[in-house]
Amino acid sequence: MVNFTINEELCKGCELCVRACPKQILRLSKTKLNSKGYHPCEITDVEACIACGSCFRTCPDSAIRIEKI
């Protein structure tokens, strides 16, 4: 099981994490905007996350946090 969190205020929608995810379960939100006007990243299926850390390592703003539970 994985505790996956995204700090939406730090995310600037660069999509590096989306491209890095081997399970293709990340996307930019179509409905949310953060205070800077960016569409933040969101996870579509946390159950499918394998906690590989690819998204965490590629995020230039350290907006993603992953913890195995």
Foldseek 3Di string as FASTA:
>chain_A
DKDKFFQQQQAQAPCQLCVQDPVNQKDFDPPDAHPVGHRGIDGRDPVPDPPPCRSCVRDPRNRMDMDDD
